[in-house]
Amino acid sequence: MSKEKQEQEQDKRMAALQKGPPQKREELSDVRLIRILATDIPGNKSIYSGLTDIKGISWTFSNAICRKLGMNKTKKIEELNEGEIKKIVSFLENPDVPQFLMNRRKDYETGENKHLIGNKWDLQKEFDIKRMKKIKSYKGVRHTLGQPVRGQRTKSHFRANKKSRGAVGVQTVKKPVAPAPKKEVKKEKKK
């Protein structure tokens, strides 16, 4: 009997191997995507974690949104109706949050506190780096050289930026090239 059971178990294993890997529970086609401010957010995420997929929204800012709008943080994004989504978008365009939650305080050009989201944040960051490079501040020079900007050590870190040097810790010894053997040419004597 034990041999028969072993054979049956082995047959089951072989059949399972022939079927292939087990399928995922959630297929991509089953997950509904909700678009908020040009960002696709999977519908199976909660509001609290889903909003952090939008560039420029941190966990703290997401929490502030949920509290200000009186939304349940654990509610799934796919359960939101159009009115709630519009409410979130309008709040993100003009956030009414404390100054310390803003990601651009005392803007260089206008001097006001802003909160930038998405592509606006990327563009502003690029402009700031270009300005620092142009005026040749310390940070701008570090950006130009591809070095760390905020005072990190560089002796043993940031080796990836040293592209032209090759592998770290590997020393190659150049072997001297032996000259090619000289061919002896016999000169014929003129008579």
N, C-alpha and C. Protein backbone atom coordinates (compact mmCIF):
# COMPACT_ATOMS: atom_id res chain seq x y z
N MET A 1 0.81 -1.18 0.00
CA MET A 1 0.00 0.00 0.00
C MET A 1 0.86 1.26 0.00
N SER A 2 1.92 1.27 0.73
CA SER A 2 2.73 2.46 0.81
C SER A 2 3.37 2.78 -0.55
N LYS A 3 3.69 1.73 -1.32
CA LYS A 3 4.27 1.96 -2.65
C LYS A 3 3.23 2.59 -3.57
N GLU A 4 1.99 2.14 -3.46
CA GLU A 4 0.93 2.70 -4.30
C GLU A 4 0.70 4.17 -3.97
N LYS A 5 0.69 4.52 -2.68
CA LYS A 5 0.51 5.90 -2.27
C LYS A 5 1.66 6.77 -2.76
N GLN A 6 2.87 6.24 -2.68
CA GLN A 6 4.03 6.99 -3.14
C GLN A 6 3.94 7.25 -4.65
N GLU A 7 3.49 6.22 -5.38
CA GLU A 7 3.35 6.38 -6.82
C GLU A 7 2.27 7.41 -7.16
N GLN A 8 1.16 7.40 -6.41
CA GLN A 8 0.10 8.36 -6.64
C GLN A 8 0.57 9.80 -6.35
N GLU A 9 1.32 9.97 -5.27
CA GLU A 9 1.84 11.29 -4.93
C GLU A 9 2.82 11.77 -5.99
N GLN A 10 3.63 10.84 -6.49
CA GLN A 10 4.60 11.20 -7.53
C GLN A 10 3.87 11.58 -8.81
N ASP A 11 2.79 10.87 -9.14
CA ASP A 11 2.00 11.20 -10.32
C ASP A 11 1.38 12.59 -10.17
N LYS A 12 0.90 12.91 -8.97
CA LYS A 12 0.32 14.24 -8.73
C LYS A 12 1.35 15.34 -8.91
N ARG A 13 2.56 15.09 -8.41
CA ARG A 13 3.64 16.08 -8.55
C ARG A 13 3.99 16.31 -10.01
N MET A 14 4.08 15.23 -10.76
CA MET A 14 4.41 15.33 -12.19
C MET A 14 3.32 16.09 -12.94
N ALA A 15 2.06 15.84 -12.61
CA ALA A 15 0.95 16.54 -13.26
C ALA A 15 1.00 18.03 -12.92
N ALA A 16 1.35 18.35 -11.68
CA ALA A 16 1.44 19.76 -11.27
C ALA A 16 2.58 20.46 -11.99
N LEU A 17 3.68 19.77 -12.19
CA LEU A 17 4.81 20.37 -12.90
C LEU A 17 4.47 20.62 -14.37
N GLN A 18 3.70 19.75 -14.96
CA GLN A 18 3.34 19.91 -16.37
C GLN A 18 2.37 21.07 -16.58
N LYS A 19 1.56 21.38 -15.57
CA LYS A 19 0.62 22.49 -15.69
C LYS A 19 1.33 23.83 -15.71
N GLY A 20 2.47 23.95 -15.05
CA GLY A 20 3.19 25.22 -15.00
C GLY A 20 3.02 25.88 -13.65
N PRO A 21 3.55 27.10 -13.51
CA PRO A 21 3.47 27.78 -12.22
C PRO A 21 2.03 28.15 -11.89
N PRO A 22 1.72 28.24 -10.60
CA PRO A 22 0.35 28.61 -10.21
C PRO A 22 0.04 30.04 -10.64
N GLN A 23 -1.20 30.28 -11.01
CA GLN A 23 -1.62 31.60 -11.48
C GLN A 23 -1.74 32.57 -10.30
N LYS A 24 -1.48 33.84 -10.57
CA LYS A 24 -1.64 34.87 -9.55
C LYS A 24 -3.13 35.05 -9.27
N ARG A 25 -3.43 35.43 -8.04
CA ARG A 25 -4.83 35.61 -7.68
C ARG A 25 -5.44 36.79 -8.42
N GLU A 26 -4.67 37.88 -8.51
CA GLU A 26 -5.19 39.07 -9.17
C GLU A 26 -4.47 39.26 -10.49
N GLU A 27 -5.18 39.17 -11.55
CA GLU A 27 -4.61 39.46 -12.86
C GLU A 27 -4.60 40.97 -13.05
N LEU A 28 -3.72 41.44 -13.91
CA LEU A 28 -3.66 42.88 -14.15
C LEU A 28 -4.95 43.40 -14.75
N SER A 29 -5.61 42.58 -15.54
CA SER A 29 -6.85 43.02 -16.16
C SER A 29 -7.97 43.18 -15.13
N ASP A 30 -7.88 42.48 -13.99
CA ASP A 30 -8.91 42.56 -12.97
C ASP A 30 -8.78 43.83 -12.12
N VAL A 31 -7.56 44.38 -12.01
CA VAL A 31 -7.33 45.55 -11.17
C VAL A 31 -7.74 46.79 -11.95
N ARG A 32 -8.62 47.57 -11.34
CA ARG A 32 -9.11 48.78 -11.96
C ARG A 32 -8.16 49.93 -11.63
N LEU A 33 -7.76 50.71 -12.64
CA LEU A 33 -6.87 51.83 -12.43
C LEU A 33 -7.69 53.11 -12.36
N ILE A 34 -7.39 53.93 -11.38
CA ILE A 34 -8.04 55.22 -11.21
C ILE A 34 -6.99 56.29 -11.52
N ARG A 35 -7.34 57.25 -12.36
CA ARG A 35 -6.40 58.29 -12.76
C ARG A 35 -6.67 59.57 -11.97
N ILE A 36 -5.67 59.96 -11.19
CA ILE A 36 -5.74 61.20 -10.43
C ILE A 36 -4.49 62.01 -10.74
N LEU A 37 -4.67 63.22 -11.27
CA LEU A 37 -3.58 64.12 -11.62
C LEU A 37 -2.52 63.43 -12.49
N ALA A 38 -2.94 62.86 -13.60
CA ALA A 38 -2.07 62.23 -14.60
C ALA A 38 -1.26 61.07 -14.03
N THR A 39 -1.76 60.42 -12.99
CA THR A 39 -1.10 59.26 -12.40
C THR A 39 -2.11 58.14 -12.26
N ASP A 40 -1.77 56.96 -12.78
CA ASP A 40 -2.64 55.80 -12.64
C ASP A 40 -2.38 55.15 -11.29
N ILE A 41 -3.44 54.97 -10.52
CA ILE A 41 -3.33 54.36 -9.20
C ILE A 41 -4.15 53.09 -9.20
N PRO A 42 -3.55 51.94 -8.81
CA PRO A 42 -4.32 50.70 -8.75
C PRO A 42 -5.48 50.83 -7.77
N GLY A 43 -6.65 50.33 -8.19
CA GLY A 43 -7.86 50.47 -7.40
C GLY A 43 -7.86 49.65 -6.13
N ASN A 44 -7.01 48.64 -6.04
CA ASN A 44 -7.02 47.80 -4.84
C ASN A 44 -6.24 48.42 -3.68
N LYS A 45 -5.60 49.57 -3.88
CA LYS A 45 -4.88 50.23 -2.80
C LYS A 45 -5.83 51.09 -1.98
N SER A 46 -5.45 51.33 -0.75
CA SER A 46 -6.25 52.23 0.08
C SER A 46 -5.95 53.68 -0.34
N ILE A 47 -6.81 54.59 0.07
CA ILE A 47 -6.60 56.00 -0.28
C ILE A 47 -5.27 56.49 0.27
N TYR A 48 -4.99 56.12 1.51
CA TYR A 48 -3.77 56.56 2.20
C TYR A 48 -2.51 56.16 1.43
N SER A 49 -2.42 54.91 1.00
CA SER A 49 -1.21 54.48 0.29
C SER A 49 -1.28 54.80 -1.20
N GLY A 50 -2.47 54.85 -1.76
CA GLY A 50 -2.60 55.11 -3.19
C GLY A 50 -2.19 56.52 -3.57
N LEU A 51 -2.51 57.49 -2.72
CA LEU A 51 -2.15 58.88 -3.03
C LEU A 51 -0.64 59.09 -3.04
N THR A 52 0.11 58.25 -2.34
CA THR A 52 1.57 58.41 -2.33
C THR A 52 2.19 58.00 -3.66
N ASP A 53 1.43 57.36 -4.55
CA ASP A 53 1.94 57.04 -5.88
C ASP A 53 2.10 58.29 -6.73
N ILE A 54 1.39 59.36 -6.37
CA ILE A 54 1.50 60.62 -7.10
C ILE A 54 2.78 61.31 -6.65
N LYS A 55 3.60 61.72 -7.62
CA LYS A 55 4.88 62.34 -7.29
C LYS A 55 4.63 63.67 -6.58
N GLY A 56 5.27 63.84 -5.44
CA GLY A 56 5.12 65.06 -4.66
C GLY A 56 4.21 64.89 -3.46
N ILE A 57 3.60 63.71 -3.30
CA ILE A 57 2.73 63.46 -2.15
C ILE A 57 3.40 62.41 -1.27
N SER A 58 3.74 62.83 -0.05
CA SER A 58 4.37 61.92 0.90
C SER A 58 3.29 61.24 1.73
N TRP A 59 3.72 60.36 2.62
CA TRP A 59 2.78 59.68 3.51
C TRP A 59 2.12 60.68 4.44
N THR A 60 2.89 61.64 4.92
CA THR A 60 2.35 62.64 5.83
C THR A 60 1.32 63.51 5.11
N PHE A 61 1.64 63.91 3.88
CA PHE A 61 0.73 64.76 3.12
C PHE A 61 -0.54 63.99 2.78
N SER A 62 -0.39 62.70 2.47
CA SER A 62 -1.55 61.85 2.18
C SER A 62 -2.46 61.75 3.41
N ASN A 63 -1.86 61.62 4.56
CA ASN A 63 -2.62 61.57 5.81
C ASN A 63 -3.36 62.89 6.04
N ALA A 64 -2.69 64.00 5.74
CA ALA A 64 -3.32 65.32 5.90
C ALA A 64 -4.51 65.47 4.96
N ILE A 65 -4.39 64.96 3.75
CA ILE A 65 -5.50 65.02 2.78
C ILE A 65 -6.70 64.25 3.32
N CYS A 66 -6.45 63.04 3.79
CA CYS A 66 -7.54 62.21 4.31
C CYS A 66 -8.22 62.88 5.50
N ARG A 67 -7.45 63.49 6.38
CA ARG A 67 -8.04 64.14 7.56
C ARG A 67 -8.82 65.39 7.19
N LYS A 68 -8.24 66.24 6.31
CA LYS A 68 -8.91 67.49 5.94
C LYS A 68 -10.21 67.24 5.19
N LEU A 69 -10.22 66.21 4.33
CA LEU A 69 -11.41 65.92 3.54
C LEU A 69 -12.38 64.99 4.27
N GLY A 70 -11.98 64.47 5.43
CA GLY A 70 -12.85 63.60 6.22
C GLY A 70 -13.08 62.25 5.57
N MET A 71 -12.07 61.72 4.91
CA MET A 71 -12.19 60.41 4.24
C MET A 71 -11.57 59.33 5.09
N ASN A 72 -12.09 58.13 4.95
CA ASN A 72 -11.54 56.97 5.65
C ASN A 72 -10.27 56.55 4.92
N LYS A 73 -9.15 56.47 5.66
CA LYS A 73 -7.86 56.14 5.03
C LYS A 73 -7.83 54.73 4.47
N THR A 74 -8.60 53.83 5.04
CA THR A 74 -8.55 52.43 4.62
C THR A 74 -9.48 52.13 3.45
N LYS A 75 -10.28 53.09 3.05
CA LYS A 75 -11.20 52.90 1.92
C LYS A 75 -10.40 52.70 0.64
N LYS A 76 -10.83 51.76 -0.20
CA LYS A 76 -10.12 51.48 -1.44
C LYS A 76 -10.35 52.60 -2.46
N ILE A 77 -9.38 52.81 -3.30
CA ILE A 77 -9.48 53.89 -4.29
C ILE A 77 -10.57 53.58 -5.32
N GLU A 78 -10.76 52.33 -5.64
CA GLU A 78 -11.79 52.00 -6.64
C GLU A 78 -13.21 52.26 -6.11
N GLU A 79 -13.36 52.41 -4.80
CA GLU A 79 -14.67 52.69 -4.21
C GLU A 79 -15.01 54.18 -4.22
N LEU A 80 -14.06 55.03 -4.65
CA LEU A 80 -14.32 56.47 -4.69
C LEU A 80 -15.24 56.79 -5.86
N ASN A 81 -16.16 57.72 -5.65
CA ASN A 81 -17.00 58.16 -6.76
C ASN A 81 -16.38 59.41 -7.39
N GLU A 82 -16.96 59.88 -8.48
CA GLU A 82 -16.42 61.03 -9.20
C GLU A 82 -16.33 62.28 -8.33
N GLY A 83 -17.33 62.49 -7.49
CA GLY A 83 -17.34 63.66 -6.61
C GLY A 83 -16.17 63.67 -5.65
N GLU A 84 -15.87 62.50 -5.08
CA GLU A 84 -14.76 62.41 -4.13
C GLU A 84 -13.42 62.61 -4.84
N ILE A 85 -13.30 62.08 -6.06
CA ILE A 85 -12.05 62.25 -6.81
C ILE A 85 -11.85 63.72 -7.15
N LYS A 86 -12.92 64.40 -7.58
CA LYS A 86 -12.82 65.83 -7.88
C LYS A 86 -12.47 66.63 -6.62
N LYS A 87 -12.99 66.20 -5.49
CA LYS A 87 -12.70 66.85 -4.22
C LYS A 87 -11.21 66.74 -3.89
N ILE A 88 -10.64 65.54 -4.12
CA ILE A 88 -9.21 65.32 -3.87
C ILE A 88 -8.37 66.18 -4.81
N VAL A 89 -8.75 66.19 -6.10
CA VAL A 89 -7.98 66.96 -7.09
C VAL A 89 -8.00 68.45 -6.77
N SER A 90 -9.18 68.98 -6.41
CA SER A 90 -9.27 70.41 -6.09
C SER A 90 -8.46 70.73 -4.83
N PHE A 91 -8.44 69.82 -3.87
CA PHE A 91 -7.64 70.04 -2.66
C PHE A 91 -6.15 70.03 -2.99
N LEU A 92 -5.73 69.13 -3.90
CA LEU A 92 -4.31 69.05 -4.26
C LEU A 92 -3.86 70.29 -5.03
N GLU A 93 -4.77 70.90 -5.80
CA GLU A 93 -4.39 72.10 -6.54
C GLU A 93 -4.23 73.30 -5.60
N ASN A 94 -5.04 73.38 -4.56
CA ASN A 94 -4.94 74.45 -3.55
C ASN A 94 -4.97 73.83 -2.17
N PRO A 95 -3.84 73.27 -1.70
CA PRO A 95 -3.86 72.58 -0.41
C PRO A 95 -3.96 73.55 0.76
N ASP A 96 -4.81 73.20 1.70
CA ASP A 96 -4.98 73.97 2.93
C ASP A 96 -4.36 73.17 4.07
N VAL A 97 -3.02 73.14 4.07
CA VAL A 97 -2.28 72.37 5.07
C VAL A 97 -1.28 73.30 5.74
N PRO A 98 -0.76 72.91 6.91
CA PRO A 98 0.25 73.74 7.57
C PRO A 98 1.49 73.92 6.68
N GLN A 99 2.20 75.00 6.93
CA GLN A 99 3.36 75.36 6.12
C GLN A 99 4.43 74.28 6.12
N PHE A 100 4.62 73.58 7.23
CA PHE A 100 5.70 72.60 7.30
C PHE A 100 5.45 71.38 6.42
N LEU A 101 4.23 71.18 5.94
CA LEU A 101 3.95 70.06 5.04
C LEU A 101 4.20 70.40 3.58
N MET A 102 4.37 71.67 3.27
CA MET A 102 4.60 72.09 1.89
C MET A 102 5.99 71.63 1.43
N ASN A 103 6.11 71.30 0.15
CA ASN A 103 7.41 70.84 -0.34
C ASN A 103 8.23 71.95 -1.01
N ARG A 104 7.69 73.16 -1.09
CA ARG A 104 8.45 74.28 -1.64
C ARG A 104 8.12 75.53 -0.83
N ARG A 105 8.84 75.70 0.28
CA ARG A 105 8.61 76.85 1.14
C ARG A 105 9.53 78.00 0.70
N LYS A 106 9.00 79.20 0.75
CA LYS A 106 9.75 80.40 0.35
C LYS A 106 10.38 80.22 -1.03
N ASP A 107 9.53 80.13 -2.02
CA ASP A 107 9.96 79.95 -3.40
C ASP A 107 10.97 81.03 -3.77
N TYR A 108 11.99 80.68 -4.55
CA TYR A 108 13.07 81.58 -4.91
C TYR A 108 12.55 82.79 -5.68
N GLU A 109 11.61 82.58 -6.59
CA GLU A 109 11.13 83.66 -7.45
C GLU A 109 10.03 84.50 -6.79
N THR A 110 9.06 83.84 -6.16
CA THR A 110 7.91 84.56 -5.63
C THR A 110 7.96 84.76 -4.12
N GLY A 111 8.67 83.91 -3.41
CA GLY A 111 8.76 84.03 -1.96
C GLY A 111 7.59 83.42 -1.21
N GLU A 112 6.66 82.80 -1.92
CA GLU A 112 5.49 82.21 -1.25
C GLU A 112 5.68 80.71 -1.03
N ASN A 113 4.83 80.15 -0.19
CA ASN A 113 4.87 78.72 0.10
C ASN A 113 3.98 78.00 -0.90
N LYS A 114 4.52 76.94 -1.52
CA LYS A 114 3.78 76.18 -2.52
C LYS A 114 3.90 74.70 -2.21
N HIS A 115 3.02 73.95 -2.82
CA HIS A 115 3.17 72.50 -2.82
C HIS A 115 3.07 72.04 -4.26
N LEU A 116 4.18 71.57 -4.82
CA LEU A 116 4.23 71.16 -6.22
C LEU A 116 3.99 69.67 -6.33
N ILE A 117 3.28 69.28 -7.39
CA ILE A 117 2.91 67.88 -7.57
C ILE A 117 3.17 67.48 -9.02
N GLY A 118 3.68 66.26 -9.21
CA GLY A 118 3.83 65.69 -10.55
C GLY A 118 4.91 66.35 -11.37
N ASN A 119 4.58 66.68 -12.62
CA ASN A 119 5.57 67.23 -13.55
C ASN A 119 6.05 68.61 -13.12
N LYS A 120 5.19 69.37 -12.45
CA LYS A 120 5.61 70.70 -11.98
C LYS A 120 6.77 70.57 -11.00
N TRP A 121 6.71 69.55 -10.15
CA TRP A 121 7.78 69.33 -9.18
C TRP A 121 9.09 68.97 -9.89
N ASP A 122 9.00 68.09 -10.91
CA ASP A 122 10.19 67.70 -11.67
C ASP A 122 10.81 68.91 -12.37
N LEU A 123 9.98 69.70 -13.03
CA LEU A 123 10.48 70.87 -13.74
C LEU A 123 11.15 71.87 -12.80
N GLN A 124 10.52 72.13 -11.67
CA GLN A 124 11.07 73.09 -10.72
C GLN A 124 12.41 72.61 -10.17
N LYS A 125 12.51 71.31 -9.92
CA LYS A 125 13.77 70.74 -9.43
C LYS A 125 14.88 70.92 -10.46
N GLU A 126 14.55 70.66 -11.73
CA GLU A 126 15.53 70.84 -12.81
C GLU A 126 15.98 72.30 -12.90
N PHE A 127 15.03 73.23 -12.83
CA PHE A 127 15.37 74.65 -12.91
C PHE A 127 16.27 75.07 -11.75
N ASP A 128 15.99 74.54 -10.56
CA ASP A 128 16.81 74.87 -9.40
C ASP A 128 18.25 74.39 -9.59
N ILE A 129 18.41 73.17 -10.11
CA ILE A 129 19.75 72.62 -10.32
C ILE A 129 20.47 73.42 -11.40
N LYS A 130 19.76 73.79 -12.47
CA LYS A 130 20.39 74.61 -13.52
C LYS A 130 20.83 75.96 -12.97
N ARG A 131 19.99 76.56 -12.12
CA ARG A 131 20.35 77.85 -11.53
C ARG A 131 21.60 77.71 -10.67
N MET A 132 21.68 76.64 -9.87
CA MET A 132 22.86 76.43 -9.03
C MET A 132 24.11 76.22 -9.87
N LYS A 133 23.98 75.51 -10.98
CA LYS A 133 25.13 75.30 -11.87
C LYS A 133 25.56 76.62 -12.51
N LYS A 134 24.58 77.42 -12.89
CA LYS A 134 24.87 78.68 -13.58
C LYS A 134 25.62 79.65 -12.67
N ILE A 135 25.19 79.77 -11.41
CA ILE A 135 25.86 80.70 -10.51
C ILE A 135 27.09 80.07 -9.87
N LYS A 136 27.33 78.80 -10.17
CA LYS A 136 28.51 78.06 -9.70
C LYS A 136 28.61 78.04 -8.18
N SER A 137 27.47 77.75 -7.56
CA SER A 137 27.50 77.55 -6.11
C SER A 137 28.14 76.19 -5.83
N TYR A 138 28.42 75.93 -4.57
CA TYR A 138 29.05 74.66 -4.20
C TYR A 138 28.20 73.48 -4.66
N LYS A 139 26.88 73.57 -4.39
CA LYS A 139 25.99 72.48 -4.79
C LYS A 139 25.94 72.34 -6.30
N GLY A 140 25.97 73.45 -7.02
CA GLY A 140 25.95 73.39 -8.47
C GLY A 140 27.19 72.73 -9.04
N VAL A 141 28.33 73.04 -8.45
CA VAL A 141 29.58 72.42 -8.90
C VAL A 141 29.55 70.93 -8.64
N ARG A 142 29.04 70.53 -7.47
CA ARG A 142 28.95 69.10 -7.15
C ARG A 142 28.01 68.37 -8.11
N HIS A 143 26.89 69.02 -8.47
CA HIS A 143 25.99 68.44 -9.46
C HIS A 143 26.70 68.27 -10.80
N THR A 144 27.46 69.27 -11.20
CA THR A 144 28.16 69.23 -12.48
C THR A 144 29.16 68.09 -12.51
N LEU A 145 29.87 67.89 -11.41
CA LEU A 145 30.89 66.84 -11.34
C LEU A 145 30.30 65.45 -11.12
N GLY A 146 29.01 65.38 -10.81
CA GLY A 146 28.40 64.09 -10.54
C GLY A 146 28.77 63.54 -9.17
N GLN A 147 29.12 64.42 -8.26
CA GLN A 147 29.51 64.03 -6.91
C GLN A 147 28.33 64.23 -5.96
N PRO A 148 28.38 63.61 -4.76
CA PRO A 148 27.29 63.83 -3.80
C PRO A 148 27.26 65.28 -3.35
N VAL A 149 26.06 65.80 -3.18
CA VAL A 149 25.87 67.23 -2.93
C VAL A 149 25.81 67.55 -1.45
N ARG A 150 25.33 66.64 -0.63
CA ARG A 150 25.01 66.95 0.76
C ARG A 150 26.08 66.52 1.77
N GLY A 151 27.33 66.49 1.36
CA GLY A 151 28.41 66.29 2.31
C GLY A 151 28.74 64.85 2.65
N GLN A 152 28.26 63.89 1.84
CA GLN A 152 28.58 62.50 2.14
C GLN A 152 30.05 62.22 1.82
N ARG A 153 30.59 61.16 2.39
CA ARG A 153 31.98 60.80 2.13
C ARG A 153 32.10 60.18 0.75
N THR A 154 33.24 60.34 0.13
CA THR A 154 33.41 59.81 -1.22
C THR A 154 34.59 58.85 -1.34
N LYS A 155 35.31 58.63 -0.25
CA LYS A 155 36.45 57.73 -0.34
C LYS A 155 36.02 56.31 -0.66
N SER A 156 35.00 55.84 0.02
CA SER A 156 34.59 54.46 -0.20
C SER A 156 33.15 54.33 -0.70
N HIS A 157 32.47 55.45 -0.92
CA HIS A 157 31.11 55.40 -1.43
C HIS A 157 31.04 56.16 -2.75
N PHE A 158 29.92 56.03 -3.43
CA PHE A 158 29.67 56.70 -4.70
C PHE A 158 30.68 56.27 -5.76
N ARG A 159 31.02 54.98 -5.75
CA ARG A 159 31.97 54.47 -6.73
C ARG A 159 31.36 54.39 -8.12
N ALA A 160 30.04 54.29 -8.18
CA ALA A 160 29.40 54.16 -9.49
C ALA A 160 29.61 55.41 -10.34
N ASN A 161 29.83 56.55 -9.71
CA ASN A 161 30.03 57.78 -10.46
C ASN A 161 31.41 57.86 -11.11
N LYS A 162 32.30 57.00 -10.69
CA LYS A 162 33.65 57.01 -11.26
C LYS A 162 33.68 56.03 -12.42
N LYS A 163 33.03 56.41 -13.52
CA LYS A 163 32.81 55.49 -14.63
C LYS A 163 34.09 55.11 -15.34
N SER A 164 34.99 56.05 -15.51
CA SER A 164 36.15 55.79 -16.36
C SER A 164 37.22 54.96 -15.67
N ARG A 165 37.12 54.77 -14.36
CA ARG A 165 38.18 54.08 -13.64
C ARG A 165 38.05 52.56 -13.67
N GLY A 166 36.91 52.03 -14.04
CA GLY A 166 36.76 50.57 -14.09
C GLY A 166 36.38 49.99 -12.75
N ALA A 167 36.72 48.72 -12.55
CA ALA A 167 36.32 48.01 -11.34
C ALA A 167 37.07 48.52 -10.13
N VAL A 168 36.41 48.43 -8.98
CA VAL A 168 36.99 48.90 -7.74
C VAL A 168 37.75 47.75 -7.09
N GLY A 169 38.96 48.02 -6.63
CA GLY A 169 39.73 47.01 -5.90
C GLY A 169 40.41 45.99 -6.79
N VAL A 170 40.37 46.17 -8.07
CA VAL A 170 41.01 45.23 -8.97
C VAL A 170 42.19 45.94 -9.61
N GLN A 171 43.36 45.35 -9.44
CA GLN A 171 44.54 45.95 -10.05
C GLN A 171 45.00 45.04 -11.17
N THR A 172 45.17 45.63 -12.31
CA THR A 172 45.67 44.85 -13.44
C THR A 172 47.11 45.26 -13.70
N VAL A 173 47.93 44.28 -13.91
CA VAL A 173 49.34 44.53 -14.18
C VAL A 173 49.53 44.44 -15.68
N LYS A 174 50.06 45.52 -16.24
CA LYS A 174 50.30 45.51 -17.67
C LYS A 174 51.58 44.72 -17.93
N LYS A 175 51.43 43.71 -18.76
CA LYS A 175 52.59 42.89 -19.10
C LYS A 175 53.36 43.58 -20.22
N PRO A 176 54.66 43.62 -20.07
CA PRO A 176 55.43 44.25 -21.14
C PRO A 176 55.32 43.41 -22.41
N VAL A 177 55.15 44.10 -23.50
CA VAL A 177 55.01 43.41 -24.78
C VAL A 177 56.41 43.14 -25.31
N ALA A 178 56.65 41.87 -25.58
CA ALA A 178 57.96 41.49 -26.12
C ALA A 178 58.02 41.91 -27.58
N PRO A 179 59.18 42.46 -27.99
CA PRO A 179 59.28 42.86 -29.40
C PRO A 179 59.24 41.63 -30.30
N ALA A 180 58.71 41.84 -31.47
CA ALA A 180 58.61 40.73 -32.41
C ALA A 180 60.02 40.26 -32.79
N PRO A 181 60.19 38.97 -32.98
CA PRO A 181 61.53 38.47 -33.34
C PRO A 181 61.95 39.03 -34.71
N LYS A 182 63.22 39.41 -34.74
CA LYS A 182 63.74 39.98 -35.99
C LYS A 182 64.02 38.88 -36.99
N LYS A 183 63.63 39.18 -38.17
CA LYS A 183 63.91 38.22 -39.23
C LYS A 183 65.29 38.52 -39.79
N GLU A 184 66.02 37.48 -39.97
CA GLU A 184 67.35 37.65 -40.53
C GLU A 184 67.25 37.65 -42.04
N VAL A 185 67.66 38.71 -42.58
CA VAL A 185 67.64 38.82 -44.04
C VAL A 185 69.06 38.67 -44.53
N LYS A 186 69.21 37.70 -45.40
CA LYS A 186 70.56 37.49 -45.96
C LYS A 186 70.72 38.42 -47.14
N LYS A 187 71.82 39.14 -47.10
CA LYS A 187 72.11 40.04 -48.19
C LYS A 187 73.02 39.33 -49.18
N GLU A 188 72.65 39.44 -50.38
CA GLU A 188 73.48 38.82 -51.41
C GLU A 188 74.59 39.77 -51.78
N LYS A 189 75.75 39.23 -51.95
CA LYS A 189 76.89 40.06 -52.30
C LYS A 189 76.92 40.24 -53.80
N LYS A 190 77.19 41.42 -54.21
CA LYS A 190 77.29 41.70 -55.64
C LYS A 190 78.69 41.35 -56.09
N LYS A 191 78.76 40.73 -57.17
CA LYS A 191 80.06 40.35 -57.69
C LYS A 191 80.43 41.14 -58.89
